[in-house]
């Protein structure tokens, strides 16, 4: 099998540390996981200094021009492609579709599954309406509402009045969050792009003014005519890493996400793998059921959750996620090869983890250490 590894940020030569630190780390891990295979990876000419000096690893292909054009002209020279790309602007979906239509195997989720997970509102509706879901998944869903920008364009519009009233604690006493000892007697909501990636454009708001400002900010991060509004859930931010063969999913680990809330904005700074928590087993069971209820999810999949009084599902990532870079070092098998085998219908028979690895974003790099 001839394999192409395509990590979007490094192939494009992006210099934004917020986008490239994780991408570079994931690419590096895949290069070593597939070092014994006939494999290439794409790398922008501007980043050629990243080529590892070791022999026997995947071969770099330096590209200058448009990545999509290169793929269109060259992808049929490969048997399979492992693709990592952002969901925003349908980048991951469109590239997956291009590879599928070329008749090349995607070592990951189908374009239809990617589309479902890319749009967070579509994902919510899909999970809510799935006949495969049990009550645990339905109970884990965070109430999610689609809000059109046009409904908030004027101060006296019906939509503006509805959302102004939403934050009126006198009118909505049952929605007041916390107490004098907790976060405060306010109504908290989450405003975010329906097609966002990571924490980009996500705001936690507690007043109509904050809501209005967040809506204006979200417009910069999406091309969709709407955004999503969710109930705010306070708890431990985490994720579950899984492998899926398209029918059955196998949880690998629960991972801690180092997420900070400052001035209403959420910032992701890394985390550690694994996370020990009293809800660990339940989180992995719910993530397993969630992945199995969305047709076409294959290979490595990540499910973001909040561990509160119970487990709450935030979103599903139909692609490799950052915890992979730590998880691959402490699993009892080669994770890259396991991704390939899972797409071919074979999941690992047993999973064990040796140790804990902490990872943190520092400038252009993702640093890791055993703890």
Protein backbone atom coordinates (compact mmCIF):
# COMPACT_ATOMS: atom_id res chain seq x y z
CA UNK A 1 0.00 0.00 0.00
CA UNK A 2 1.26 3.45 -0.92
CA UNK A 3 0.06 6.01 1.61
CA UNK A 4 -0.17 9.81 1.57
CA UNK A 5 -0.22 11.65 4.89
CA UNK A 6 -1.74 15.09 4.49
CA UNK A 7 -1.78 17.53 7.40
CA UNK A 8 -3.38 20.75 6.20
CA UNK A 9 -1.51 23.41 8.21
CA UNK A 10 1.97 22.11 7.33
CA UNK A 11 1.05 21.46 3.71
CA UNK A 12 -0.23 25.03 3.43
CA UNK A 13 2.78 26.53 5.20
CA UNK A 14 0.68 28.27 7.82
CA UNK A 15 2.61 30.32 10.36
CA UNK A 16 -0.18 30.91 12.89
CA UNK A 17 0.94 29.14 16.11
CA UNK A 18 -2.70 28.64 17.09
CA UNK A 19 -3.10 26.38 14.05
CA UNK A 20 0.33 24.92 13.42
CA UNK A 21 1.56 23.71 16.83
CA UNK A 22 -0.87 20.78 16.99
CA UNK A 23 -0.65 20.11 13.25
CA UNK A 24 3.13 19.80 13.31
CA UNK A 25 3.02 17.52 16.32
CA UNK A 26 0.39 15.24 14.77
CA UNK A 27 2.31 15.06 11.50
CA UNK A 28 5.52 14.18 13.33
CA UNK A 29 3.76 11.39 15.21
CA UNK A 30 2.26 9.93 12.04
CA UNK A 31 5.63 10.04 10.28
CA UNK A 32 7.12 7.78 12.94
CA UNK A 33 4.05 5.56 13.28
CA UNK A 34 4.21 4.81 9.54
CA UNK A 35 8.01 4.73 9.20
CA UNK A 36 7.99 1.13 7.95
CA UNK A 37 5.40 1.83 5.22
CA UNK A 38 5.66 3.12 1.68
CA UNK A 39 4.42 6.57 2.62
CA UNK A 40 4.79 10.22 1.62
CA UNK A 41 3.71 13.40 3.37
CA UNK A 42 3.06 16.89 2.04
CA UNK A 43 5.07 19.84 3.32
CA UNK A 44 5.14 23.43 2.19
CA UNK A 45 8.44 24.68 0.79
CA UNK A 46 8.42 27.34 3.51
CA UNK A 47 8.56 24.65 6.20
CA UNK A 48 11.23 22.38 4.72
CA UNK A 49 13.37 22.83 7.83
CA UNK A 50 10.88 20.53 9.59
CA UNK A 51 12.05 17.48 7.63
CA UNK A 52 13.39 14.95 10.18
CA UNK A 53 17.02 13.92 9.77
CA UNK A 54 16.37 10.24 10.54
CA UNK A 55 16.57 7.67 7.76
CA UNK A 56 13.87 5.17 6.96
CA UNK A 57 10.93 7.46 7.65
CA UNK A 58 8.21 8.75 5.37
CA UNK A 59 9.32 10.78 2.38
CA UNK A 60 8.50 14.52 2.26
CA UNK A 61 7.00 16.05 -0.86
CA UNK A 62 7.65 19.78 -0.96
CA UNK A 63 4.93 21.78 -2.67
CA UNK A 64 4.71 25.42 -3.69
CA UNK A 65 1.35 26.01 -5.28
CA UNK A 66 -2.28 25.30 -4.47
CA UNK A 67 -2.71 22.19 -2.34
CA UNK A 68 -6.07 21.23 -3.84
CA UNK A 69 -4.61 21.42 -7.34
CA UNK A 70 -1.70 19.19 -6.28
CA UNK A 71 -4.12 16.66 -4.82
CA UNK A 72 -6.32 16.65 -7.92
CA UNK A 73 -3.30 15.98 -10.12
CA UNK A 74 -1.48 13.47 -7.90
CA UNK A 75 -3.80 11.68 -5.48
CA UNK A 76 -4.49 8.78 -7.84
CA UNK A 77 -0.85 7.77 -7.44
CA UNK A 78 -1.72 6.59 -3.91
CA UNK A 79 -3.77 3.73 -2.53
CA UNK A 80 -4.86 5.59 0.60
CA UNK A 81 -4.70 8.99 2.28
CA UNK A 82 -4.75 9.93 5.96
CA UNK A 83 -6.08 13.46 6.09
CA UNK A 84 -5.99 16.01 8.93
CA UNK A 85 -7.65 19.34 8.23
CA UNK A 86 -9.91 21.90 9.95
CA UNK A 87 -13.67 21.59 9.64
CA UNK A 88 -14.28 25.32 9.11
CA UNK A 89 -15.27 26.50 5.63
CA UNK A 90 -15.88 22.79 4.80
CA UNK A 91 -12.13 22.30 4.26
CA UNK A 92 -12.04 18.79 5.73
CA UNK A 93 -15.25 17.76 3.97
CA UNK A 94 -14.24 19.06 0.56
CA UNK A 95 -10.78 17.47 0.67
CA UNK A 96 -12.26 14.18 1.85
CA UNK A 97 -14.78 14.31 -0.99
CA UNK A 98 -12.03 15.02 -3.52
CA UNK A 99 -10.06 11.97 -2.35
CA UNK A 100 -13.15 9.75 -2.35
CA UNK A 101 -14.11 10.79 -5.87
CA UNK A 102 -10.61 9.96 -7.08
CA UNK A 103 -11.20 6.38 -5.93
CA UNK A 104 -8.55 6.56 -3.22
CA UNK A 105 -9.23 5.10 0.23
CA UNK A 106 -9.61 7.61 3.05
CA UNK A 107 -8.08 6.40 6.30
CA UNK A 108 -10.73 8.18 8.27
CA UNK A 109 -14.37 9.17 8.19
CA UNK A 110 -16.50 9.46 5.06
CA UNK A 111 -17.30 12.90 3.64
CA UNK A 112 -20.93 12.47 4.75
CA UNK A 113 -19.87 11.79 8.34
CA UNK A 114 -17.46 14.72 8.20
CA UNK A 115 -20.30 16.98 7.04
CA UNK A 116 -22.50 15.83 9.92
CA UNK A 117 -19.80 16.56 12.50
CA UNK A 118 -18.58 19.77 10.86
CA UNK A 119 -21.90 21.51 11.46
CA UNK A 120 -22.45 21.36 15.21
CA UNK A 121 -26.17 21.98 14.88
CA UNK A 122 -26.52 19.22 12.30
CA UNK A 123 -24.58 16.92 14.63
CA UNK A 124 -26.92 17.79 17.51
CA UNK A 125 -30.00 17.08 15.39
CA UNK A 126 -28.46 13.85 14.09
CA UNK A 127 -27.73 12.55 17.58
CA UNK A 128 -31.10 13.66 18.91
CA UNK A 129 -32.92 11.86 16.10
CA UNK A 130 -30.78 8.73 15.82
CA UNK A 131 -32.60 5.44 16.38
CA UNK A 132 -29.30 3.88 17.50
CA UNK A 133 -28.93 6.14 20.52
CA UNK A 134 -29.81 5.00 24.00
CA UNK A 135 -31.06 7.31 26.73
CA UNK A 136 -27.52 7.94 28.00
CA UNK A 137 -26.58 9.76 24.78
CA UNK A 138 -29.83 11.71 24.63
CA UNK A 139 -29.41 12.77 28.26
CA UNK A 140 -25.82 13.81 27.52
CA UNK A 141 -26.77 16.26 24.77
CA UNK A 142 -26.44 19.94 25.65
CA UNK A 143 -29.49 21.93 24.56
CA UNK A 144 -28.49 23.59 21.29
CA UNK A 145 -30.37 26.26 19.34
CA UNK A 146 -29.73 27.59 15.83
CA UNK A 147 -29.93 31.39 15.67
CA UNK A 148 -29.93 33.30 12.37
CA UNK A 149 -27.88 36.49 12.19
CA UNK A 150 -30.63 38.24 10.23
CA UNK A 151 -33.06 37.80 13.12
CA UNK A 152 -30.86 40.05 15.27
CA UNK A 153 -30.12 42.79 12.75
CA UNK A 154 -32.33 45.48 14.30
CA UNK A 155 -32.80 46.61 17.89
CA UNK A 156 -36.57 46.29 17.73
CA UNK A 157 -36.77 42.94 15.92
CA UNK A 158 -38.67 40.04 17.46
CA UNK A 159 -35.46 38.00 17.63
CA UNK A 160 -33.61 40.74 19.51
CA UNK A 161 -36.41 40.97 22.05
CA UNK A 162 -36.46 37.20 22.55
CA UNK A 163 -32.75 37.04 23.33
CA UNK A 164 -32.81 40.21 25.39
CA UNK A 165 -35.48 38.56 27.57
CA UNK A 166 -33.41 35.37 27.77
CA UNK A 167 -30.92 37.01 30.13
CA UNK A 168 -33.59 38.58 32.34
CA UNK A 169 -33.24 36.63 35.60
CA UNK A 170 -36.63 37.85 36.81
CA UNK A 171 -38.34 36.33 33.76
CA UNK A 172 -36.23 33.16 33.75
CA UNK A 173 -35.61 32.22 37.40
CA UNK A 174 -35.31 28.53 36.54
CA UNK A 175 -32.31 29.27 34.29
CA UNK A 176 -30.21 31.06 36.88
CA UNK A 177 -26.82 29.40 37.13
CA UNK A 178 -24.97 28.77 40.37
CA UNK A 179 -25.23 30.46 43.72
CA UNK A 180 -23.42 33.05 45.78
CA UNK A 181 -20.72 30.44 46.45
CA UNK A 182 -20.49 29.36 42.81
CA UNK A 183 -20.27 31.11 39.49
CA UNK A 184 -22.95 33.64 40.41
CA UNK A 185 -26.67 34.12 40.13
CA UNK A 186 -26.73 34.80 36.40
CA UNK A 187 -27.86 33.15 33.20
CA UNK A 188 -24.91 31.82 31.23
CA UNK A 189 -24.99 30.79 27.58
CA UNK A 190 -22.40 29.70 25.02
CA UNK A 191 -22.26 31.43 21.63
CA UNK A 192 -20.16 29.79 18.93
CA UNK A 193 -19.88 29.20 15.19
CA UNK A 194 -21.76 26.12 14.01
CA UNK A 195 -18.74 25.15 11.92
CA UNK A 196 -15.92 26.26 14.22
CA UNK A 197 -12.76 24.35 15.10
CA UNK A 198 -11.20 24.02 18.55
CA UNK A 199 -12.23 27.03 20.71
CA UNK A 200 -12.17 29.54 17.86
CA UNK A 201 -14.97 32.07 18.16
CA UNK A 202 -16.47 30.49 21.28
CA UNK A 203 -17.84 32.93 23.89
CA UNK A 204 -19.51 32.44 27.25
CA UNK A 205 -22.01 35.25 27.87
CA UNK A 206 -24.07 36.35 30.87
CA UNK A 207 -25.95 39.39 29.56
CA UNK A 208 -27.64 40.61 26.40
CA UNK A 209 -24.79 43.07 25.75
CA UNK A 210 -22.22 40.28 26.01
CA UNK A 211 -24.44 38.15 23.77
CA UNK A 212 -24.71 40.93 21.19
CA UNK A 213 -20.93 41.51 21.19
CA UNK A 214 -20.28 37.76 20.87
CA UNK A 215 -22.64 37.50 17.90
CA UNK A 216 -20.71 40.27 16.12
CA UNK A 217 -17.44 38.45 16.85
CA UNK A 218 -18.74 35.07 15.66
CA UNK A 219 -19.59 36.54 12.23
CA UNK A 220 -15.85 36.80 11.57
CA UNK A 221 -15.37 33.06 12.04
CA UNK A 222 -18.13 31.60 9.88
CA UNK A 223 -19.64 31.84 6.42
CA UNK A 224 -22.90 30.32 7.61
CA UNK A 225 -25.97 32.57 8.02
CA UNK A 226 -26.43 31.35 11.58
CA UNK A 227 -24.59 30.42 14.79
CA UNK A 228 -25.47 28.15 17.69
CA UNK A 229 -26.50 29.00 21.24
CA UNK A 230 -26.02 26.41 23.96
CA UNK A 231 -26.64 26.11 27.66
CA UNK A 232 -23.48 26.66 29.65
CA UNK A 233 -22.32 23.65 31.66
CA UNK A 234 -19.63 24.08 34.29
CA UNK A 235 -17.36 21.09 34.84
CA UNK A 236 -14.14 19.36 33.81
CA UNK A 237 -13.42 19.76 30.09
CA UNK A 238 -12.26 16.50 28.56
CA UNK A 239 -12.30 14.38 25.43
CA UNK A 240 -12.48 10.71 24.56
CA UNK A 241 -10.22 9.22 21.87
CA UNK A 242 -11.69 6.28 20.00
CA UNK A 243 -11.07 3.98 17.04
CA UNK A 244 -14.00 3.01 14.85
CA UNK A 245 -14.44 0.46 12.06
CA UNK A 246 -17.58 2.20 10.82
CA UNK A 247 -19.90 0.05 12.92
CA UNK A 248 -18.22 -0.50 16.26
CA UNK A 249 -16.19 2.01 18.25
CA UNK A 250 -13.45 1.27 20.77
CA UNK A 251 -12.66 3.90 23.43
CA UNK A 252 -8.93 4.31 24.00
CA UNK A 253 -8.65 7.01 26.65
CA UNK A 254 -10.29 9.89 28.47
CA UNK A 255 -8.15 13.02 28.10
CA UNK A 256 -8.00 16.21 30.13
CA UNK A 257 -8.35 19.48 28.20
CA UNK A 258 -6.62 22.50 29.70
CA UNK A 259 -9.25 25.10 28.86
CA UNK A 260 -9.42 28.55 30.42
CA UNK A 261 -12.31 31.00 30.44
CA UNK A 262 -11.16 34.62 30.46
CA UNK A 263 -13.29 37.67 29.68
CA UNK A 264 -15.92 35.43 28.14
CA UNK A 265 -13.52 33.73 25.72
CA UNK A 266 -12.36 30.12 25.90
CA UNK A 267 -8.70 29.31 25.30
CA UNK A 268 -7.27 25.81 24.75
CA UNK A 269 -3.70 25.27 25.97
CA UNK A 270 -3.16 21.52 25.89
CA UNK A 271 -3.93 18.85 28.47
CA UNK A 272 -2.85 15.41 29.62
CA UNK A 273 -3.54 11.78 28.75
CA UNK A 274 -5.13 9.88 30.39
CA UNK A 275 -7.52 11.61 32.79
CA UNK A 276 -8.61 9.69 35.87
CA UNK A 277 -12.12 10.71 36.92
CA UNK A 278 -15.08 9.12 38.63
CA UNK A 279 -17.02 9.49 35.36
CA UNK A 280 -14.24 8.02 33.18
CA UNK A 281 -16.02 4.78 32.35
CA UNK A 282 -19.36 6.46 31.74
CA UNK A 283 -17.74 9.10 29.51
CA UNK A 284 -16.12 6.41 27.37
CA UNK A 285 -19.35 4.41 27.12
CA UNK A 286 -21.33 7.48 26.05
CA UNK A 287 -18.63 8.45 23.53
CA UNK A 288 -18.72 4.92 22.12
CA UNK A 289 -22.51 5.03 21.66
CA UNK A 290 -22.26 8.52 20.15
CA UNK A 291 -19.70 7.50 17.52
CA UNK A 292 -21.62 4.33 16.64
CA UNK A 293 -24.79 6.36 16.03
CA UNK A 294 -23.25 8.53 13.28
CA UNK A 295 -22.87 6.55 10.01
CA UNK A 296 -19.48 6.74 8.32
CA UNK A 297 -17.25 7.59 11.29
CA UNK A 298 -14.09 5.51 10.86
CA UNK A 299 -10.51 5.47 12.04
CA UNK A 300 -9.56 7.87 14.83
CA UNK A 301 -12.44 9.93 16.26
CA UNK A 302 -12.52 12.36 19.18
CA UNK A 303 -15.54 13.24 21.30
CA UNK A 304 -15.36 16.40 23.44
CA UNK A 305 -17.24 16.17 26.72
CA UNK A 306 -17.83 18.06 29.96
CA UNK A 307 -17.77 16.09 33.19
CA UNK A 308 -20.29 17.75 35.49
CA UNK A 309 -22.90 15.99 37.61
CA UNK A 310 -23.03 13.67 34.61
CA UNK A 311 -21.35 13.50 31.21
CA UNK A 312 -22.32 16.10 28.60
CA UNK A 313 -21.39 15.88 24.90
CA UNK A 314 -19.90 19.03 23.39
CA UNK A 315 -18.99 17.89 19.88
CA UNK A 316 -17.62 15.05 17.75
CA UNK A 317 -14.39 15.42 15.78
CA UNK A 318 -14.30 13.15 12.74
CA UNK A 319 -10.50 13.33 12.46
CA UNK A 320 -7.26 12.99 14.37
CA UNK A 321 -7.18 15.25 17.43
CA UNK A 322 -4.31 16.60 19.54
CA UNK A 323 -4.35 13.90 22.29
CA UNK A 324 -3.09 11.48 19.62
CA UNK A 325 0.43 12.90 20.02
CA UNK A 326 0.55 11.83 23.67
CA UNK A 327 -1.59 8.71 23.41
CA UNK A 328 0.61 7.13 20.73
CA UNK A 329 3.53 7.14 23.17
CA UNK A 330 1.80 5.27 25.99
CA UNK A 331 -0.49 2.79 24.25
CA UNK A 332 0.43 -0.88 23.98
CA UNK A 333 0.26 -0.77 20.16
CA UNK A 334 1.23 1.42 17.21
CA UNK A 335 -1.66 3.90 17.02
CA UNK A 336 -1.02 4.93 13.41
CA UNK A 337 -1.15 1.32 12.22
CA UNK A 338 -4.23 0.73 14.37
CA UNK A 339 -6.00 3.60 12.58
CA UNK A 340 -5.30 1.90 9.26
CA UNK A 341 -6.46 -1.47 10.53
CA UNK A 342 -9.64 -0.03 12.05
CA UNK A 343 -10.66 1.44 8.68
CA UNK A 344 -10.13 -2.08 7.30
CA UNK A 345 -12.50 -3.51 9.91
CA UNK A 346 -10.09 -4.66 12.63
CA UNK A 347 -10.03 -3.04 16.06
CA UNK A 348 -7.37 -3.79 18.71
CA UNK A 349 -8.24 -6.73 20.96
CA UNK A 350 -6.99 -5.04 24.12
CA UNK A 351 -6.05 -1.54 25.17
CA UNK A 352 -3.63 -0.64 27.94
CA UNK A 353 -1.92 2.64 28.78
CA UNK A 354 1.43 2.94 30.50
CA UNK A 355 1.98 6.31 32.15
CA UNK A 356 0.66 9.83 31.78
CA UNK A 357 1.82 12.49 29.32
CA UNK A 358 1.15 16.19 29.62
CA UNK A 359 1.17 18.38 26.51
CA UNK A 360 1.17 22.17 26.27
CA UNK A 361 1.20 24.77 23.51
CA UNK A 362 4.34 26.91 23.69
CA UNK A 363 4.74 29.31 20.75
CA UNK A 364 4.98 27.30 17.53
CA UNK A 365 5.48 24.01 19.34
CA UNK A 366 3.55 21.49 21.37
CA UNK A 367 5.76 20.37 24.27
CA UNK A 368 5.28 17.02 26.00
CA UNK A 369 6.53 15.45 29.20
CA UNK A 370 5.78 12.40 31.31
CA UNK A 371 4.24 13.21 34.68
